[in-house]
C-alpha atoms as a PDB file:
ATOM      1  CA  MET A   1     -11.705  -8.421 -14.697  1.00  0.00           C
ATOM      2  CA  LEU A   2     -11.019  -8.454 -10.960  1.00  0.00           C
ATOM      3  CA  GLU A   3     -12.598  -6.023  -8.559  1.00  0.00           C
ATOM      4  CA  GLU A   4     -10.170  -3.638  -6.845  1.00  0.00           C
ATOM      5  CA  ALA A   5      -8.799  -5.232  -3.678  1.00  0.00           C
ATOM      6  CA  LYS A   6     -10.352  -4.108  -0.426  1.00  0.00           C
ATOM      7  CA  GLN A   7      -7.803  -2.386   1.818  1.00  0.00           C
ATOM      8  CA  VAL A   8      -8.143  -2.205   5.610  1.00  0.00           C
ATOM      9  CA  CYS A   9      -6.055  -0.511   8.282  1.00  0.00           C
ATOM     10  CA  PRO A  10      -4.549  -2.302  11.302  1.00  0.00           C
ATOM     11  CA  THR A  11      -7.318  -0.986  13.594  1.00  0.00           C
ATOM     12  CA  THR A  12     -10.016  -2.447  11.341  1.00  0.00           C
ATOM     13  CA  THR A  13      -7.978  -5.657  11.080  1.00  0.00           C
ATOM     14  CA  ARG A  14      -7.995  -6.043  14.882  1.00  0.00           C
ATOM     15  CA  ARG A  15     -11.776  -5.581  14.898  1.00  0.00           C
ATOM     16  CA  LEU A  16     -12.271  -8.106  12.082  1.00  0.00           C
ATOM     17  CA  VAL A  17     -10.071 -10.693  13.820  1.00  0.00           C
ATOM     18  CA  GLY A  18     -12.077 -10.097  17.004  1.00  0.00           C
ATOM     19  CA  GLU A  19     -15.215 -10.842  14.973  1.00  0.00           C
ATOM     20  CA  GLY A  20     -13.813 -14.139  13.641  1.00  0.00           C
ATOM     21  CA  ALA A  21     -11.693 -13.217  10.615  1.00  0.00           C
ATOM     22  CA  TRP A  22      -8.470 -15.077   9.962  1.00  0.00           C
ATOM     23  CA  LEU A  23      -5.221 -13.170   9.586  1.00  0.00           C
ATOM     24  CA  VAL A  24      -3.259 -14.749   6.732  1.00  0.00           C
ATOM     25  CA  ASP A  25       0.429 -13.840   6.989  1.00  0.00           C
ATOM     26  CA  VAL A  26       2.156 -14.328   3.626  1.00  0.00           C
ATOM     27  CA  ARG A  27       5.674 -13.568   4.901  1.00  0.00           C
ATOM     28  CA  GLU A  28       8.330 -16.264   4.839  1.00  0.00           C
ATOM     29  CA  ARG A  29       8.706 -18.491   7.913  1.00  0.00           C
ATOM     30  CA  THR A  30      12.040 -16.856   8.822  1.00  0.00           C
ATOM     31  CA  GLU A  31      10.334 -13.442   8.959  1.00  0.00           C
ATOM     32  CA  VAL A  32       7.491 -14.785  11.108  1.00  0.00           C
ATOM     33  CA  ALA A  33      10.008 -16.430  13.450  1.00  0.00           C
ATOM     34  CA  CYS A  34      11.607 -13.008  13.925  1.00  0.00           C
ATOM     35  CA  THR A  35       8.416 -10.985  14.506  1.00  0.00           C
ATOM     36  CA  ALA A  36       4.847 -12.301  14.443  1.00  0.00           C
ATOM     37  CA  PHE A  37       1.381 -10.838  14.895  1.00  0.00           C
ATOM     38  CA  ASP A  38       0.025 -11.647  18.360  1.00  0.00           C
ATOM     39  CA  VAL A  39      -3.553 -12.544  17.431  1.00  0.00           C
ATOM     40  CA  PRO A  40      -5.563 -15.729  18.053  1.00  0.00           C
ATOM     41  CA  ALA A  41      -6.618 -16.609  14.489  1.00  0.00           C
ATOM     42  CA  ILE A  42      -3.539 -16.481  12.289  1.00  0.00           C
ATOM     43  CA  VAL A  43      -2.301 -18.694   9.464  1.00  0.00           C
ATOM     44  CA  ASN A  44       1.131 -18.470   7.836  1.00  0.00           C
ATOM     45  CA  ILE A  45       1.159 -19.349   4.148  1.00  0.00           C
ATOM     46  CA  PRO A  46       4.209 -17.723   2.552  1.00  0.00           C
ATOM     47  CA  LEU A  47       3.496 -16.041  -0.774  1.00  0.00           C
ATOM     48  CA  THR A  48       5.994 -18.454  -2.335  1.00  0.00           C
ATOM     49  CA  GLU A  49       3.677 -21.342  -1.310  1.00  0.00           C
ATOM     50  CA  LEU A  50       0.297 -19.711  -1.930  1.00  0.00           C
ATOM     51  CA  GLU A  51      -0.114 -21.124  -5.442  1.00  0.00           C
ATOM     52  CA  GLN A  52       0.047 -24.668  -4.010  1.00  0.00           C
ATOM     53  CA  ARG A  53      -1.764 -24.021  -0.705  1.00  0.00           C
ATOM     54  CA  TRP A  54      -4.532 -21.471  -1.383  1.00  0.00           C
ATOM     55  CA  SER A  55      -7.258 -24.112  -1.148  1.00  0.00           C
ATOM     56  CA  GLU A  56      -6.440 -24.530   2.581  1.00  0.00           C
ATOM     57  CA  LEU A  57      -8.154 -21.191   3.182  1.00  0.00           C
ATOM     58  CA  PRO A  58     -11.928 -21.156   3.710  1.00  0.00           C
ATOM     59  CA  LYS A  59     -14.064 -19.151   1.290  1.00  0.00           C
ATOM     60  CA  ASP A  60     -16.829 -18.707   3.878  1.00  0.00           C
ATOM     61  CA  ARG A  61     -14.719 -16.729   6.371  1.00  0.00           C
ATOM     62  CA  GLU A  62     -13.379 -13.174   6.290  1.00  0.00           C
ATOM     63  CA  LEU A  63      -9.640 -13.252   5.485  1.00  0.00           C
ATOM     64  CA  VAL A  64      -7.227 -10.369   6.019  1.00  0.00           C
ATOM     65  CA  LEU A  65      -3.898 -10.814   4.249  1.00  0.00           C
ATOM     66  CA  VAL A  66      -0.770  -9.314   5.770  1.00  0.00           C
ATOM     67  CA  CYS A  67       2.978  -9.111   5.169  1.00  0.00           C
ATOM     68  CA  GLU A  68       5.738  -6.726   6.191  1.00  0.00           C
ATOM     69  CA  SER A  69       4.630  -3.613   4.299  1.00  0.00           C
ATOM     70  CA  GLY A  70       1.424  -4.610   2.486  1.00  0.00           C
ATOM     71  CA  GLU A  71       2.878  -5.235  -0.972  1.00  0.00           C
ATOM     72  CA  ARG A  72       3.098  -9.040  -0.988  1.00  0.00           C
ATOM     73  CA  SER A  73      -0.234  -9.366   0.796  1.00  0.00           C
ATOM     74  CA  LEU A  74      -1.860  -7.177  -1.874  1.00  0.00           C
ATOM     75  CA  LYS A  75      -0.608  -9.603  -4.536  1.00  0.00           C
ATOM     76  CA  ALA A  76      -1.960 -12.487  -2.455  1.00  0.00           C
ATOM     77  CA  THR A  77      -5.316 -10.712  -2.088  1.00  0.00           C
ATOM     78  CA  TYR A  78      -5.667 -10.421  -5.856  1.00  0.00           C
ATOM     79  CA  PHE A  79      -4.577 -14.055  -6.274  1.00  0.00           C
ATOM     80  CA  LEU A  80      -7.340 -15.234  -3.941  1.00  0.00           C
ATOM     81  CA  GLN A  81      -9.908 -12.974  -5.627  1.00  0.00           C
ATOM     82  CA  TYR A  82      -8.933 -14.569  -8.938  1.00  0.00           C
ATOM     83  CA  HIS A  83      -9.718 -17.946  -7.354  1.00  0.00           C
ATOM     84  CA  GLY A  84     -13.190 -16.860  -6.288  1.00  0.00           C
ATOM     85  CA  TYR A  85     -12.639 -15.500  -2.784  1.00  0.00           C
ATOM     86  CA  THR A  86     -14.955 -12.583  -2.056  1.00  0.00           C
ATOM     87  CA  ARG A  87     -14.387 -12.118   1.692  1.00  0.00           C
ATOM     88  CA  VAL A  88     -10.734 -11.131   1.420  1.00  0.00           C
ATOM     89  CA  SER A  89      -8.891  -7.883   2.086  1.00  0.00           C
ATOM     90  CA  ASN A  90      -5.351  -6.559   2.368  1.00  0.00           C
ATOM     91  CA  MET A  91      -4.046  -4.856   5.504  1.00  0.00           C
ATOM     92  CA  GLU A  92      -2.335  -1.649   4.433  1.00  0.00           C
ATOM     93  CA  GLY A  93       1.133  -1.048   5.805  1.00  0.00           C
ATOM     94  CA  GLY A  94       1.708  -4.604   7.020  1.00  0.00           C
ATOM     95  CA  ILE A  95       3.302  -5.503  10.317  1.00  0.00           C
ATOM     96  CA  LEU A  96       5.345  -2.290  10.197  1.00  0.00           C
ATOM     97  CA  LYS A  97       2.198  -0.161  10.447  1.00  0.00           C
ATOM     98  CA  TRP A  98       0.757  -2.612  13.014  1.00  0.00           C
ATOM     99  CA  MET A  99       3.811  -2.038  15.220  1.00  0.00           C
ATOM    100  CA  ARG A 100       3.724   1.755  14.726  1.00  0.00           C
ATOM    101  CA  LYS A 101       0.252   1.594  16.309  1.00  0.00           C
ATOM    102  CA  ASN A 102       1.771  -0.382  19.211  1.00  0.00           C
ATOM    103  CA  PHE A 103      -0.425  -3.403  18.519  1.00  0.00           C
ATOM    104  CA  PRO A 104       0.852  -6.701  19.978  1.00  0.00           C
ATOM    105  CA  VAL A 105       3.591  -8.758  18.363  1.00  0.00           C
ATOM    106  CA  ILE A 106       5.594 -11.782  19.420  1.00  0.00           C
ATOM    107  CA  GLY A 107       9.354 -11.495  19.101  1.00  0.00           C
ATOM    108  CA  GLN A 108      11.518  -8.593  18.033  1.00  0.00           C
ATOM    109  CA  ARG A 109       9.858  -5.224  17.524  1.00  0.00           C
ATOM    110  CA  ILE A 110      11.203  -3.453  14.480  1.00  0.00           C
ATOM    111  CA  GLU A 111      11.108   0.287  15.082  1.00  0.00           C
ATOM    112  CA  VAL A 112      10.506   2.090  11.809  1.00  0.00           C
ATOM    113  CA  PRO A 113       9.664   5.801  11.510  1.00  0.00           C
ATOM    114  CA  ALA A 114       6.198   6.431  10.069  1.00  0.00           C
ATOM    115  CA  ALA A 115       7.633   8.128   6.978  1.00  0.00           C
ATOM    116  CA  ALA A 116      10.147   5.371   6.237  1.00  0.00           C
ATOM    117  CA  SER A 117       9.513   3.098   3.333  1.00  0.00           C
ATOM    118  CA  SER A 118      10.373  -0.548   3.455  1.00  0.00           C
ATOM    119  CA  SER A 119      10.979  -3.348   1.067  1.00  0.00           C
ATOM    120  CA  CYS A 120       9.140  -6.628   1.515  1.00  0.00           C
ATOM    121  CA  CYS A 121      11.980  -8.317   3.278  1.00  0.00           C
ATOM    122  CA  CYS A 122      13.334  -8.177   6.797  1.00  0.00           C
ATOM    123  CA  SER A 123      14.061  -4.584   7.761  1.00  0.00           C
ATOM    124  CA  ALA A 124      16.115  -5.336  10.858  1.00  0.00           C
ATOM    125  CA  PRO A 125      19.599  -3.810  10.654  1.00  0.00           C
ATOM    126  CA  ALA A 126      22.212  -6.332   9.527  1.00  0.00           C
ATOM    127  CA  ASP A 127      23.910  -6.446  12.918  1.00  0.00           C
ATOM    128  CA  GLN A 128      20.600  -7.160  14.698  1.00  0.00           C
ATOM    129  CA  ALA A 129      19.539  -9.693  12.078  1.00  0.00           C
ATOM    130  CA  SER A 130      22.700 -11.739  12.449  1.00  0.00           C
ATOM    131  CA  SER A 131      22.676 -11.607  16.252  1.00  0.00           C
ATOM    132  CA  THR A 132      19.013 -12.569  16.575  1.00  0.00           C
ATOM    133  CA  GLY A 133      18.927 -15.131  13.800  1.00  0.00           C
ATOM    134  CA  CYS A 134      16.226 -13.138  11.966  1.00  0.00           C
ATOM    135  CA  CYS A 135      16.214 -12.775   8.210  1.00  0.00           C
END
């Protein structure tokens, strides 16, 4: 039986990355091209590729998994725990919560009210998505 996944907030994530953790973004490449985390140690392995690529991630380093809202990255966190990773956590709220805290991103900022819920796909309005090439 797997241990419950460790959850961290964006503020703790920034501290962990500053201390050498890797941010592992499990969003699709099109989402990352639209809006990306602006941190030095980041790896993009889409959840759809994680089953084939998980061994690219080091077991001896702290890993914080992220996505848009925290749902896909939670699945990825459990997947890595199943494969023996112990230094892995999920960032609650994903890039949406990261942006609500005004932490740095590259690309389009998606403004989402704190109370709004989001699916795990691009949340840019359709007119913005088509004009920017996002999603």
